[in-house]
PDB file of N, CA and C in Angstrom:
ATOM      1  N   MET A   1     105.668  87.091 129.944  1.00  0.00           N
ATOM      2  CA  MET A   1     107.115  87.236 129.840  1.00  0.00           C
ATOM      3  C   MET A   1     107.465  88.714 130.041  1.00  0.00           C
ATOM      4  N   ASN A   2     108.479  88.976 130.857  1.00  0.00           N
ATOM      5  CA  ASN A   2     108.855  90.366 131.104  1.00  0.00           C
ATOM      6  C   ASN A   2     109.662  90.941 129.933  1.00  0.00           C
ATOM      7  N   GLU A   3     109.835  92.263 129.959  1.00  0.00           N
ATOM      8  CA  GLU A   3     110.515  92.963 128.853  1.00  0.00           C
ATOM      9  C   GLU A   3     111.937  92.451 128.645  1.00  0.00           C
ATOM     10  N   LYS A   4     112.663  92.275 129.737  1.00  0.00           N
ATOM     11  CA  LYS A   4     114.052  91.810 129.627  1.00  0.00           C
ATOM     12  C   LYS A   4     114.111  90.463 128.912  1.00  0.00           C
ATOM     13  N   SER A   5     113.243  89.535 129.290  1.00  0.00           N
ATOM     14  CA  SER A   5     113.218  88.215 128.652  1.00  0.00           C
ATOM     15  C   SER A   5     112.840  88.314 127.177  1.00  0.00           C
ATOM     16  N   GLN A   6     111.912  89.205 126.845  1.00  0.00           N
ATOM     17  CA  GLN A   6     111.524  89.387 125.440  1.00  0.00           C
ATOM     18  C   GLN A   6     112.716  89.865 124.616  1.00  0.00           C
ATOM     19  N   ILE A   7     113.485  90.795 125.160  1.00  0.00           N
ATOM     20  CA  ILE A   7     114.652  91.340 124.454  1.00  0.00           C
ATOM     21  C   ILE A   7     115.729  90.265 124.304  1.00  0.00           C
ATOM     22  N   GLN A   8     115.972  89.513 125.369  1.00  0.00           N
ATOM     23  CA  GLN A   8     116.950  88.428 125.285  1.00  0.00           C
ATOM     24  C   GLN A   8     116.511  87.367 124.281  1.00  0.00           C
ATOM     25  N   ASN A   9     115.222  87.075 124.228  1.00  0.00           N
ATOM     26  CA  ASN A   9     114.721  86.111 123.245  1.00  0.00           C
ATOM     27  C   ASN A   9     114.885  86.633 121.830  1.00  0.00           C
ATOM     28  N   CYS A  10     114.724  87.924 121.630  1.00  0.00           N
ATOM     29  CA  CYS A  10     114.916  88.527 120.306  1.00  0.00           C
ATOM     30  C   CYS A  10     116.364  88.303 119.855  1.00  0.00           C
ATOM     31  N   TYR A  11     117.307  88.547 120.754  1.00  0.00           N
ATOM     32  CA  TYR A  11     118.731  88.333 120.460  1.00  0.00           C
ATOM     33  C   TYR A  11     118.985  86.859 120.130  1.00  0.00           C
ATOM     34  N   LYS A  12     118.473  85.951 120.962  1.00  0.00           N
ATOM     35  CA  LYS A  12     118.669  84.522 120.724  1.00  0.00           C
ATOM     36  C   LYS A  12     117.987  84.074 119.432  1.00  0.00           C
ATOM     37  N   ASP A  13     116.805  84.618 119.154  1.00  0.00           N
ATOM     38  CA  ASP A  13     116.093  84.275 117.910  1.00  0.00           C
ATOM     39  C   ASP A  13     116.874  84.719 116.682  1.00  0.00           C
ATOM     40  N   MET A  14     117.589  85.849 116.793  1.00  0.00           N
ATOM     41  CA  MET A  14     118.421  86.305 115.684  1.00  0.00           C
ATOM     42  C   MET A  14     119.485  85.252 115.380  1.00  0.00           C
ATOM     43  N   TYR A  15     120.148  84.743 116.413  1.00  0.00           N
ATOM     44  CA  TYR A  15     121.174  83.720 116.208  1.00  0.00           C
ATOM     45  C   TYR A  15     120.586  82.422 115.667  1.00  0.00           C
ATOM     46  N   THR A  16     119.456  82.025 116.195  1.00  0.00           N
ATOM     47  CA  THR A  16     118.803  80.811 115.697  1.00  0.00           C
ATOM     48  C   THR A  16     118.533  80.933 114.204  1.00  0.00           C
ATOM     49  N   ALA A  17     118.048  82.081 113.779  1.00  0.00           N
ATOM     50  CA  ALA A  17     117.754  82.322 112.362  1.00  0.00           C
ATOM     51  C   ALA A  17     119.038  82.400 111.544  1.00  0.00           C
ATOM     52  N   MET A  18     120.095  82.995 112.091  1.00  0.00           N
ATOM     53  CA  MET A  18     121.369  83.073 111.375  1.00  0.00           C
ATOM     54  C   MET A  18     121.929  81.669 111.137  1.00  0.00           C
ATOM     55  N   ILE A  19     121.882  80.830 112.155  1.00  0.00           N
ATOM     56  CA  ILE A  19     122.407  79.468 112.040  1.00  0.00           C
ATOM     57  C   ILE A  19     121.578  78.653 111.047  1.00  0.00           C
ATOM     58  N   ALA A  20     120.259  78.822 111.077  1.00  0.00           N
ATOM     59  CA  ALA A  20     119.360  78.065 110.187  1.00  0.00           C
ATOM     60  C   ALA A  20     119.246  78.664 108.787  1.00  0.00           C
ATOM     61  N   LYS A  21     119.875  79.826 108.579  1.00  0.00           N
ATOM     62  CA  LYS A  21     119.734  80.559 107.312  1.00  0.00           C
ATOM     63  C   LYS A  21     118.245  80.766 107.004  1.00  0.00           C
ATOM     64  N   ASP A  22     117.547  81.281 107.997  1.00  0.00           N
ATOM     65  CA  ASP A  22     116.095  81.441 107.978  1.00  0.00           C
ATOM     66  C   ASP A  22     115.733  82.903 107.695  1.00  0.00           C
ATOM     67  N   ARG A  23     115.435  83.202 106.442  1.00  0.00           N
ATOM     68  CA  ARG A  23     115.093  84.569 106.043  1.00  0.00           C
ATOM     69  C   ARG A  23     113.912  85.104 106.863  1.00  0.00           C
ATOM     70  N   LYS A  24     112.848  84.327 106.952  1.00  0.00           N
ATOM     71  CA  LYS A  24     111.651  84.774 107.657  1.00  0.00           C
ATOM     72  C   LYS A  24     111.970  85.108 109.116  1.00  0.00           C
ATOM     73  N   GLY A  25     112.743  84.250 109.758  1.00  0.00           N
ATOM     74  CA  GLY A  25     113.129  84.492 111.148  1.00  0.00           C
ATOM     75  C   GLY A  25     113.922  85.769 111.307  1.00  0.00           C
ATOM     76  N   LEU A  26     114.862  86.024 110.396  1.00  0.00           N
ATOM     77  CA  LEU A  26     115.646  87.263 110.461  1.00  0.00           C
ATOM     78  C   LEU A  26     114.766  88.477 110.195  1.00  0.00           C
ATOM     79  N   GLU A  27     113.880  88.370 109.221  1.00  0.00           N
ATOM     80  CA  GLU A  27     112.994  89.497 108.923  1.00  0.00           C
ATOM     81  C   GLU A  27     112.096  89.833 110.109  1.00  0.00           C
ATOM     82  N   GLU A  28     111.744  88.830 110.911  1.00  0.00           N
ATOM     83  CA  GLU A  28     110.878  89.063 112.064  1.00  0.00           C
ATOM     84  C   GLU A  28     111.589  89.783 113.203  1.00  0.00           C
ATOM     85  N   VAL A  29     112.871  89.500 113.430  1.00  0.00           N
ATOM     86  CA  VAL A  29     113.566  90.109 114.579  1.00  0.00           C
ATOM     87  C   VAL A  29     114.316  91.385 114.225  1.00  0.00           C
ATOM     88  N   LEU A  30     114.603  91.599 112.938  1.00  0.00           N
ATOM     89  CA  LEU A  30     115.336  92.800 112.524  1.00  0.00           C
ATOM     90  C   LEU A  30     114.360  93.851 112.011  1.00  0.00           C
ATOM     91  N   ASP A  31     114.480  95.058 112.527  1.00  0.00           N
ATOM     92  CA  ASP A  31     113.675  96.170 112.062  1.00  0.00           C
ATOM     93  C   ASP A  31     114.109  96.539 110.641  1.00  0.00           C
ATOM     94  N   ASN A  32     113.216  97.153 109.887  1.00  0.00           N
ATOM     95  CA  ASN A  32     113.572  97.566 108.515  1.00  0.00           C
ATOM     96  C   ASN A  32     114.726  98.565 108.493  1.00  0.00           C
ATOM     97  N   SER A  33     114.940  99.283 109.588  1.00  0.00           N
ATOM     98  CA  SER A  33     116.038 100.255 109.676  1.00  0.00           C
ATOM     99  C   SER A  33     117.356  99.606 110.103  1.00  0.00           C
ATOM    100  N   PHE A  34     117.369  98.286 110.292  1.00  0.00           N
ATOM    101  CA  PHE A  34     118.536  97.590 110.845  1.00  0.00           C
ATOM    102  C   PHE A  34     119.817  97.879 110.078  1.00  0.00           C
ATOM    103  N   VAL A  35     120.903  98.081 110.862  1.00  0.00           N
ATOM    104  CA  VAL A  35     122.261  98.212 110.324  1.00  0.00           C
ATOM    105  C   VAL A  35     123.191  97.390 111.208  1.00  0.00           C
ATOM    106  N   LEU A  36     124.021  96.572 110.574  1.00  0.00           N
ATOM    107  CA  LEU A  36     125.074  95.836 111.279  1.00  0.00           C
ATOM    108  C   LEU A  36     126.391  96.529 111.003  1.00  0.00           C
ATOM    109  N   VAL A  37     127.124  96.842 112.058  1.00  0.00           N
ATOM    110  CA  VAL A  37     128.463  97.405 111.927  1.00  0.00           C
ATOM    111  C   VAL A  37     129.444  96.292 112.311  1.00  0.00           C
ATOM    112  N   HIS A  38     130.171  95.800 111.311  1.00  0.00           N
ATOM    113  CA  HIS A  38     131.138  94.717 111.529  1.00  0.00           C
ATOM    114  C   HIS A  38     132.361  95.247 112.270  1.00  0.00           C
ATOM    115  N   MET A  39     133.183  94.337 112.760  1.00  0.00           N
ATOM    116  CA  MET A  39     134.417  94.713 113.470  1.00  0.00           C
ATOM    117  C   MET A  39     135.336  95.557 112.600  1.00  0.00           C
ATOM    118  N   THR A  40     135.267  95.370 111.299  1.00  0.00           N
ATOM    119  CA  THR A  40     136.114  96.111 110.358  1.00  0.00           C
ATOM    120  C   THR A  40     135.584  97.527 110.107  1.00  0.00           C
ATOM    121  N   GLY A  41     134.372  97.808 110.585  1.00  0.00           N
ATOM    122  CA  GLY A  41     133.730  99.088 110.304  1.00  0.00           C
ATOM    123  C   GLY A  41     132.763  99.010 109.129  1.00  0.00           C
ATOM    124  N   MET A  42     132.821  97.913 108.376  1.00  0.00           N
ATOM    125  CA  MET A  42     131.885  97.738 107.267  1.00  0.00           C
ATOM    126  C   MET A  42     130.456  97.726 107.805  1.00  0.00           C
ATOM    127  N   ARG A  43     129.551  98.333 107.067  1.00  0.00           N
ATOM    128  CA  ARG A  43     128.144  98.390 107.456  1.00  0.00           C
ATOM    129  C   ARG A  43     127.297  97.637 106.443  1.00  0.00           C
ATOM    130  N   GLN A  44     126.304  96.924 106.973  1.00  0.00           N
ATOM    131  CA  GLN A  44     125.336  96.251 106.113  1.00  0.00           C
ATOM    132  C   GLN A  44     123.938  96.609 106.599  1.00  0.00           C
ATOM    133  N   ASN A  45     123.071  96.942 105.641  1.00  0.00           N
ATOM    134  CA  ASN A  45     121.670  97.153 106.011  1.00  0.00           C
ATOM    135  C   ASN A  45     120.992  95.793 106.144  1.00  0.00           C
ATOM    136  N   LYS A  46     119.725  95.813 106.490  1.00  0.00           N
ATOM    137  CA  LYS A  46     118.991  94.571 106.751  1.00  0.00           C
ATOM    138  C   LYS A  46     119.077  93.603 105.578  1.00  0.00           C
ATOM    139  N   GLU A  47     118.770  94.048 104.387  1.00  0.00           N
ATOM    140  CA  GLU A  47     118.747  93.149 103.229  1.00  0.00           C
ATOM    141  C   GLU A  47     120.140  92.643 102.894  1.00  0.00           C
ATOM    142  N   GLU A  48     121.149  93.497 102.979  1.00  0.00           N
ATOM    143  CA  GLU A  48     122.520  93.063 102.700  1.00  0.00           C
ATOM    144  C   GLU A  48     122.967  91.997 103.703  1.00  0.00           C
ATOM    145  N   PHE A  49     122.627  92.199 104.966  1.00  0.00           N
ATOM    146  CA  PHE A  49     122.991  91.228 105.997  1.00  0.00           C
ATOM    147  C   PHE A  49     122.285  89.892 105.770  1.00  0.00           C
ATOM    148  N   ILE A  50     120.991  89.933 105.556  1.00  0.00           N
ATOM    149  CA  ILE A  50     120.238  88.695 105.332  1.00  0.00           C
ATOM    150  C   ILE A  50     120.776  87.962 104.109  1.00  0.00           C
ATOM    151  N   THR A  51     121.044  88.686 103.029  1.00  0.00           N
ATOM    152  CA  THR A  51     121.591  88.078 101.818  1.00  0.00           C
ATOM    153  C   THR A  51     122.934  87.413 102.105  1.00  0.00           C
ATOM    154  N   ALA A  52     123.794  88.076 102.884  1.00  0.00           N
ATOM    155  CA  ALA A  52     125.110  87.515 103.214  1.00  0.00           C
ATOM    156  C   ALA A  52     124.990  86.242 104.044  1.00  0.00           C
ATOM    157  N   VAL A  53     124.004  86.197 104.931  1.00  0.00           N
ATOM    158  CA  VAL A  53     123.767  84.977 105.713  1.00  0.00           C
ATOM    159  C   VAL A  53     123.262  83.863 104.796  1.00  0.00           C
ATOM    160  N   LEU A  54     122.312  84.182 103.948  1.00  0.00           N
ATOM    161  CA  LEU A  54     121.705  83.158 103.091  1.00  0.00           C
ATOM    162  C   LEU A  54     122.660  82.637 102.019  1.00  0.00           C
ATOM    163  N   ASP A  55     123.535  83.504 101.486  1.00  0.00           N
ATOM    164  CA  ASP A  55     124.417  83.052 100.393  1.00  0.00           C
ATOM    165  C   ASP A  55     125.736  82.453 100.892  1.00  0.00           C
ATOM    166  N   GLY A  56     125.907  82.398 102.224  1.00  0.00           N
ATOM    167  CA  GLY A  56     127.103  81.771 102.773  1.00  0.00           C
ATOM    168  C   GLY A  56     128.281  82.696 102.965  1.00  0.00           C
ATOM    169  N   THR A  57     128.131  83.975 102.667  1.00  0.00           N
ATOM    170  CA  THR A  57     129.203  84.922 102.964  1.00  0.00           C
ATOM    171  C   THR A  57     129.446  84.957 104.470  1.00  0.00           C
ATOM    172  N   LEU A  58     128.349  84.880 105.226  1.00  0.00           N
ATOM    173  CA  LEU A  58     128.401  84.810 106.690  1.00  0.00           C
ATOM    174  C   LEU A  58     127.778  83.474 107.096  1.00  0.00           C
ATOM    175  N   ASN A  59     128.600  82.531 107.531  1.00  0.00           N
ATOM    176  CA  ASN A  59     128.128  81.201 107.925  1.00  0.00           C
ATOM    177  C   ASN A  59     128.240  81.055 109.437  1.00  0.00           C
ATOM    178  N   TYR A  60     127.107  80.928 110.082  1.00  0.00           N
ATOM    179  CA  TYR A  60     127.082  80.714 111.528  1.00  0.00           C
ATOM    180  C   TYR A  60     126.667  79.274 111.775  1.00  0.00           C
ATOM    181  N   HIS A  61     127.436  78.571 112.618  1.00  0.00           N
ATOM    182  CA  HIS A  61     127.204  77.150 112.846  1.00  0.00           C
ATOM    183  C   HIS A  61     126.641  76.859 114.239  1.00  0.00           C
ATOM    184  N   SER A  62     127.058  77.641 115.226  1.00  0.00           N
ATOM    185  CA  SER A  62     126.544  77.441 116.583  1.00  0.00           C
ATOM    186  C   SER A  62     126.794  78.708 117.398  1.00  0.00           C
ATOM    187  N   ALA A  63     126.054  78.819 118.490  1.00  0.00           N
ATOM    188  CA  ALA A  63     126.243  79.956 119.393  1.00  0.00           C
ATOM    189  C   ALA A  63     125.822  79.541 120.798  1.00  0.00           C
ATOM    190  N   VAL A  64     126.694  79.799 121.749  1.00  0.00           N
ATOM    191  CA  VAL A  64     126.394  79.606 123.164  1.00  0.00           C
ATOM    192  C   VAL A  64     126.367  81.005 123.779  1.00  0.00           C
ATOM    193  N   HIS A  65     125.215  81.399 124.272  1.00  0.00           N
ATOM    194  CA  HIS A  65     125.041  82.749 124.798  1.00  0.00           C
ATOM    195  C   HIS A  65     125.517  82.785 126.245  1.00  0.00           C
ATOM    196  N   GLU A  66     126.597  83.547 126.474  1.00  0.00           N
ATOM    197  CA  GLU A  66     127.241  83.552 127.778  1.00  0.00           C
ATOM    198  C   GLU A  66     126.782  84.708 128.666  1.00  0.00           C
ATOM    199  N   ASN A  67     126.417  85.821 128.070  1.00  0.00           N
ATOM    200  CA  ASN A  67     126.041  86.995 128.848  1.00  0.00           C
ATOM    201  C   ASN A  67     125.139  87.867 127.990  1.00  0.00           C
ATOM    202  N   MET A  68     124.037  88.343 128.574  1.00  0.00           N
ATOM    203  CA  MET A  68     123.086  89.151 127.808  1.00  0.00           C
ATOM    204  C   MET A  68     122.461  90.237 128.689  1.00  0.00           C
ATOM    205  N   PRO A  69     123.267  91.169 129.215  1.00  0.00           N
ATOM    206  CA  PRO A  69     122.670  92.233 130.022  1.00  0.00           C
ATOM    207  C   PRO A  69     121.820  93.162 129.159  1.00  0.00           C
ATOM    208  N   VAL A  70     120.732  93.649 129.750  1.00  0.00           N
ATOM    209  CA  VAL A  70     119.763  94.481 129.040  1.00  0.00           C
ATOM    210  C   VAL A  70     119.555  95.787 129.786  1.00  0.00           C
ATOM    211  N   GLU A  71     119.502  96.875 129.036  1.00  0.00           N
ATOM    212  CA  GLU A  71     119.123  98.189 129.577  1.00  0.00           C
ATOM    213  C   GLU A  71     117.886  98.645 128.814  1.00  0.00           C
ATOM    214  N   ILE A  72     116.829  98.989 129.552  1.00  0.00           N
ATOM    215  CA  ILE A  72     115.574  99.406 128.928  1.00  0.00           C
ATOM    216  C   ILE A  72     115.284 100.852 129.299  1.00  0.00           C
ATOM    217  N   ASN A  73     114.904 101.639 128.283  1.00  0.00           N
ATOM    218  CA  ASN A  73     114.513 103.030 128.485  1.00  0.00           C
ATOM    219  C   ASN A  73     113.245 103.255 127.662  1.00  0.00           C
ATOM    220  N   GLY A  74     112.091 102.999 128.273  1.00  0.00           N
ATOM    221  CA  GLY A  74     110.822 103.156 127.567  1.00  0.00           C
ATOM    222  C   GLY A  74     110.686 102.139 126.458  1.00  0.00           C
ATOM    223  N   ASP A  75     110.507 102.633 125.222  1.00  0.00           N
ATOM    224  CA  ASP A  75     110.358 101.759 124.057  1.00  0.00           C
ATOM    225  C   ASP A  75     111.675 101.529 123.327  1.00  0.00           C
ATOM    226  N   ASN A  76     112.784 101.819 123.998  1.00  0.00           N
ATOM    227  CA  ASN A  76     114.115 101.589 123.446  1.00  0.00           C
ATOM    228  C   ASN A  76     114.910 100.739 124.433  1.00  0.00           C
ATOM    229  N   ALA A  77     115.809  99.946 123.906  1.00  0.00           N
ATOM    230  CA  ALA A  77     116.617  99.086 124.764  1.00  0.00           C
ATOM    231  C   ALA A  77     117.955  98.801 124.093  1.00  0.00           C
ATOM    232  N   VAL A  78     118.890  98.360 124.927  1.00  0.00           N
ATOM    233  CA  VAL A  78     120.194  97.904 124.443  1.00  0.00           C
ATOM    234  C   VAL A  78     120.487  96.578 125.129  1.00  0.00           C
ATOM    235  N   ILE A  79     120.884  95.598 124.339  1.00  0.00           N
ATOM    236  CA  ILE A  79     121.369  94.335 124.875  1.00  0.00           C
ATOM    237  C   ILE A  79     122.799  94.159 124.386  1.00  0.00           C
ATOM    238  N   THR A  80     123.692  93.838 125.306  1.00  0.00           N
ATOM    239  CA  THR A  80     125.074  93.565 124.945  1.00  0.00           C
ATOM    240  C   THR A  80     125.254  92.061 125.057  1.00  0.00           C
ATOM    241  N   GLY A  81     125.026  91.399 123.936  1.00  0.00           N
ATOM    242  CA  GLY A  81     125.089  89.946 123.901  1.00  0.00           C
ATOM    243  C   GLY A  81     126.507  89.469 123.687  1.00  0.00           C
ATOM    244  N   GLN A  82     126.941  88.567 124.530  1.00  0.00           N
ATOM    245  CA  GLN A  82     128.248  87.949 124.393  1.00  0.00           C
ATOM    246  C   GLN A  82     128.023  86.456 124.180  1.00  0.00           C
ATOM    247  N   SER A  83     128.437  85.986 123.011  1.00  0.00           N
ATOM    248  CA  SER A  83     128.174  84.600 122.622  1.00  0.00           C
ATOM    249  C   SER A  83     129.446  83.956 122.075  1.00  0.00           C
ATOM    250  N   TYR A  84     129.633  82.692 122.424  1.00  0.00           N
ATOM    251  CA  TYR A  84     130.737  81.903 121.890  1.00  0.00           C
ATOM    252  C   TYR A  84     130.219  81.259 120.613  1.00  0.00           C
ATOM    253  N   VAL A  85     130.725  81.736 119.483  1.00  0.00           N
ATOM    254  CA  VAL A  85     130.140  81.441 118.178  1.00  0.00           C
ATOM    255  C   VAL A  85     131.118  80.648 117.313  1.00  0.00           C
ATOM    256  N   GLN A  86     130.592  79.629 116.627  1.00  0.00           N
ATOM    257  CA  GLN A  86     131.365  78.949 115.593  1.00  0.00           C
ATOM    258  C   GLN A  86     130.880  79.499 114.265  1.00  0.00           C
ATOM    259  N   ALA A  87     131.817  80.038 113.491  1.00  0.00           N
ATOM    260  CA  ALA A  87     131.440  80.684 112.238  1.00  0.00           C
ATOM    261  C   ALA A  87     132.578  80.616 111.230  1.00  0.00           C
ATOM    262  N   ALA A  88     132.205  80.834 109.978  1.00  0.00           N
ATOM    263  CA  ALA A  88     133.156  81.020 108.882  1.00  0.00           C
ATOM    264  C   ALA A  88     132.614  82.188 108.069  1.00  0.00           C
ATOM    265  N   VAL A  89     133.366  83.278 108.045  1.00  0.00           N
ATOM    266  CA  VAL A  89     132.847  84.486 107.406  1.00  0.00           C
ATOM    267  C   VAL A  89     133.817  85.020 106.358  1.00  0.00           C
ATOM    268  N   PHE A  90     133.238  85.599 105.317  1.00  0.00           N
ATOM    269  CA  PHE A  90     133.992  86.248 104.246  1.00  0.00           C
ATOM    270  C   PHE A  90     135.083  85.348 103.672  1.00  0.00           C
ATOM    271  N   GLY A  91     134.765  84.052 103.509  1.00  0.00           N
ATOM    272  CA  GLY A  91     135.695  83.129 102.873  1.00  0.00           C
ATOM    273  C   GLY A  91     136.756  82.555 103.784  1.00  0.00           C
ATOM    274  N   GLY A  92     136.762  82.946 105.044  1.00  0.00           N
ATOM    275  CA  GLY A  92     137.736  82.405 105.990  1.00  0.00           C
ATOM    276  C   GLY A  92     137.320  81.024 106.464  1.00  0.00           C
ATOM    277  N   GLY A  93     138.221  80.361 107.130  1.00  0.00           N
ATOM    278  CA  GLY A  93     137.933  79.031 107.651  1.00  0.00           C
ATOM    279  C   GLY A  93     137.023  79.082 108.872  1.00  0.00           C
ATOM    280  N   LYS A  94     136.444  77.947 109.173  1.00  0.00           N
ATOM    281  CA  LYS A  94     135.562  77.836 110.332  1.00  0.00           C
ATOM    282  C   LYS A  94     136.390  77.973 111.600  1.00  0.00           C
ATOM    283  N   GLY A  95     135.902  78.806 112.501  1.00  0.00           N
ATOM    284  CA  GLY A  95     136.596  79.001 113.764  1.00  0.00           C
ATOM    285  C   GLY A  95     135.619  79.364 114.862  1.00  0.00           C
ATOM    286  N   TYR A  96     136.141  79.462 116.060  1.00  0.00           N
ATOM    287  CA  TYR A  96     135.332  79.856 117.213  1.00  0.00           C
ATOM    288  C   TYR A  96     135.692  81.280 117.613  1.00  0.00           C
ATOM    289  N   TRP A  97     134.679  82.058 117.952  1.00  0.00           N
ATOM    290  CA  TRP A  97     134.862  83.469 118.272  1.00  0.00           C
ATOM    291  C   TRP A  97     134.065  83.823 119.521  1.00  0.00           C
ATOM    292  N   HIS A  98     134.649  84.646 120.351  1.00  0.00           N
ATOM    293  CA  HIS A  98     133.900  85.284 121.440  1.00  0.00           C
ATOM    294  C   HIS A  98     133.333  86.562 120.826  1.00  0.00           C
ATOM    295  N   LEU A  99     132.129  86.470 120.302  1.00  0.00           N
ATOM    296  CA  LEU A  99     131.520  87.570 119.553  1.00  0.00           C
ATOM    297  C   LEU A  99     130.558  88.351 120.432  1.00  0.00           C
ATOM    298  N   GLN A 100     130.785  89.641 120.499  1.00  0.00           N
ATOM    299  CA  GLN A 100     129.870  90.540 121.213  1.00  0.00           C
ATOM    300  C   GLN A 100     129.089  91.344 120.192  1.00  0.00           C
ATOM    301  N   GLN A 101     127.797  91.407 120.383  1.00  0.00           N
ATOM    302  CA  GLN A 101     126.953  92.266 119.564  1.00  0.00           C
ATOM    303  C   GLN A 101     126.185  93.192 120.498  1.00  0.00           C
ATOM    304  N   LYS A 102     126.492  94.462 120.396  1.00  0.00           N
ATOM    305  CA  LYS A 102     125.756  95.461 121.165  1.00  0.00           C
ATOM    306  C   LYS A 102     124.597  95.897 120.281  1.00  0.00           C
ATOM    307  N   CYS A 103     123.407  95.413 120.652  1.00  0.00           N
ATOM    308  CA  CYS A 103     122.229  95.617 119.823  1.00  0.00           C
ATOM    309  C   CYS A 103     121.307  96.667 120.420  1.00  0.00           C
ATOM    310  N   SER A 104     120.884  97.589 119.585  1.00  0.00           N
ATOM    311  CA  SER A 104     119.846  98.540 119.952  1.00  0.00           C
ATOM    312  C   SER A 104     118.524  97.986 119.443  1.00  0.00           C
ATOM    313  N   LEU A 105     117.486  98.148 120.256  1.00  0.00           N
ATOM    314  CA  LEU A 105     116.156  97.651 119.886  1.00  0.00           C
ATOM    315  C   LEU A 105     115.125  98.734 120.115  1.00  0.00           C
ATOM    316  N   LYS A 106     114.014  98.622 119.383  1.00  0.00           N
ATOM    317  CA  LYS A 106     112.867  99.481 119.637  1.00  0.00           C
ATOM    318  C   LYS A 106     111.620  98.622 119.694  1.00  0.00           C
ATOM    319  N   LYS A 107     110.685  99.087 120.490  1.00  0.00           N
ATOM    320  CA  LYS A 107     109.428  98.373 120.665  1.00  0.00           C
ATOM    321  C   LYS A 107     108.351  99.099 119.889  1.00  0.00           C
ATOM    322  N   THR A 108     107.734  98.383 118.955  1.00  0.00           N
ATOM    323  CA  THR A 108     106.645  98.923 118.151  1.00  0.00           C
ATOM    324  C   THR A 108     105.516  97.907 118.174  1.00  0.00           C
ATOM    325  N   ASP A 109     104.320  98.362 118.485  1.00  0.00           N
ATOM    326  CA  ASP A 109     103.157  97.459 118.556  1.00  0.00           C
ATOM    327  C   ASP A 109     103.440  96.257 119.458  1.00  0.00           C
ATOM    328  N   ASN A 110     104.042  96.526 120.625  1.00  0.00           N
ATOM    329  CA  ASN A 110     104.364  95.500 121.627  1.00  0.00           C
ATOM    330  C   ASN A 110     105.357  94.439 121.168  1.00  0.00           C
ATOM    331  N   THR A 111     106.121  94.736 120.125  1.00  0.00           N
ATOM    332  CA  THR A 111     107.122  93.798 119.623  1.00  0.00           C
ATOM    333  C   THR A 111     108.488  94.476 119.580  1.00  0.00           C
ATOM    334  N   TRP A 112     109.484  93.814 120.174  1.00  0.00           N
ATOM    335  CA  TRP A 112     110.858  94.321 120.137  1.00  0.00           C
ATOM    336  C   TRP A 112     111.536  93.873 118.849  1.00  0.00           C
ATOM    337  N   LYS A 113     112.222  94.821 118.194  1.00  0.00           N
ATOM    338  CA  LYS A 113     112.991  94.511 116.987  1.00  0.00           C
ATOM    339  C   LYS A 113     114.363  95.177 117.098  1.00  0.00           C
ATOM    340  N   ILE A 114     115.355  94.508 116.535  1.00  0.00           N
ATOM    341  CA  ILE A 114     116.731  95.009 116.566  1.00  0.00           C
ATOM    342  C   ILE A 114     116.904  96.029 115.445  1.00  0.00           C
ATOM    343  N   THR A 115     117.391  97.217 115.810  1.00  0.00           N
ATOM    344  CA  THR A 115     117.587  98.287 114.836  1.00  0.00           C
ATOM    345  C   THR A 115     119.060  98.450 114.432  1.00  0.00           C
ATOM    346  N   ARG A 116     119.966  98.033 115.311  1.00  0.00           N
ATOM    347  CA  ARG A 116     121.384  98.225 115.049  1.00  0.00           C
ATOM    348  C   ARG A 116     122.165  97.198 115.867  1.00  0.00           C
ATOM    349  N   SER A 117     123.244  96.714 115.286  1.00  0.00           N
ATOM    350  CA  SER A 117     124.146  95.838 116.004  1.00  0.00           C
ATOM    351  C   SER A 117     125.573  96.234 115.677  1.00  0.00           C
ATOM    352  N   VAL A 118     126.376  96.385 116.716  1.00  0.00           N
ATOM    353  CA  VAL A 118     127.803  96.696 116.549  1.00  0.00           C
ATOM    354  C   VAL A 118     128.581  95.503 117.058  1.00  0.00           C
ATOM    355  N   ALA A 119     129.299  94.854 116.153  1.00  0.00           N
ATOM    356  CA  ALA A 119     130.022  93.621 116.477  1.00  0.00           C
ATOM    357  C   ALA A 119     131.442  93.921 116.942  1.00  0.00           C
ATOM    358  N   SER A 120     131.875  93.139 117.930  1.00  0.00           N
ATOM    359  CA  SER A 120     133.254  93.198 118.419  1.00  0.00           C
ATOM    360  C   SER A 120     133.548  91.862 119.080  1.00  0.00           C
ATOM    361  N   THR A 121     134.747  91.730 119.595  1.00  0.00           N
ATOM    362  CA  THR A 121     135.081  90.534 120.363  1.00  0.00           C
ATOM    363  C   THR A 121     135.129  90.910 121.836  1.00  0.00           C
ATOM    364  N   TYR A 122     135.131  89.891 122.672  1.00  0.00           N
ATOM    365  CA  TYR A 122     135.267  90.124 124.117  1.00  0.00           C
ATOM    366  C   TYR A 122     136.198  89.092 124.709  1.00  0.00           C
TER     367      TYR A 122
END
C-alpha cells in the first residue's frame, strides 16, 4: 500500500472508531500529542476527545468520505478530509454536516498517526 493510501486509511479508521465508540481504534490512529480544534476554537487533547466520543458528548453515526487530498513531506503529512457526517454533538440534535478535518500526521516506526485535526465545514 502506498503512503497516500495509508494516510487516507488512517483518516477513515478514525471515523470508523468514532462511530463504533472504539477506544482501542482511536488510540491506534491518534498520536499521544493529538489535539482536536473544534469549529468553536475549543481544543481537546487525545484523552479528552476519546472520552467525549465514548461518553456520548460527541456522537458520530455515519460518515461518507467525499474528498481526501493528501500532501506528504517526508515523515509528515496533511490530509484535508471532507466527509458527509451524521452526528449529534454537545447535546444538540442529530443532524447531517459537511465536516472537514484538516489533519496533520507523522510517521513513526512506519506507522502514520494523526497529531492534530482542525474541524470546519465545507
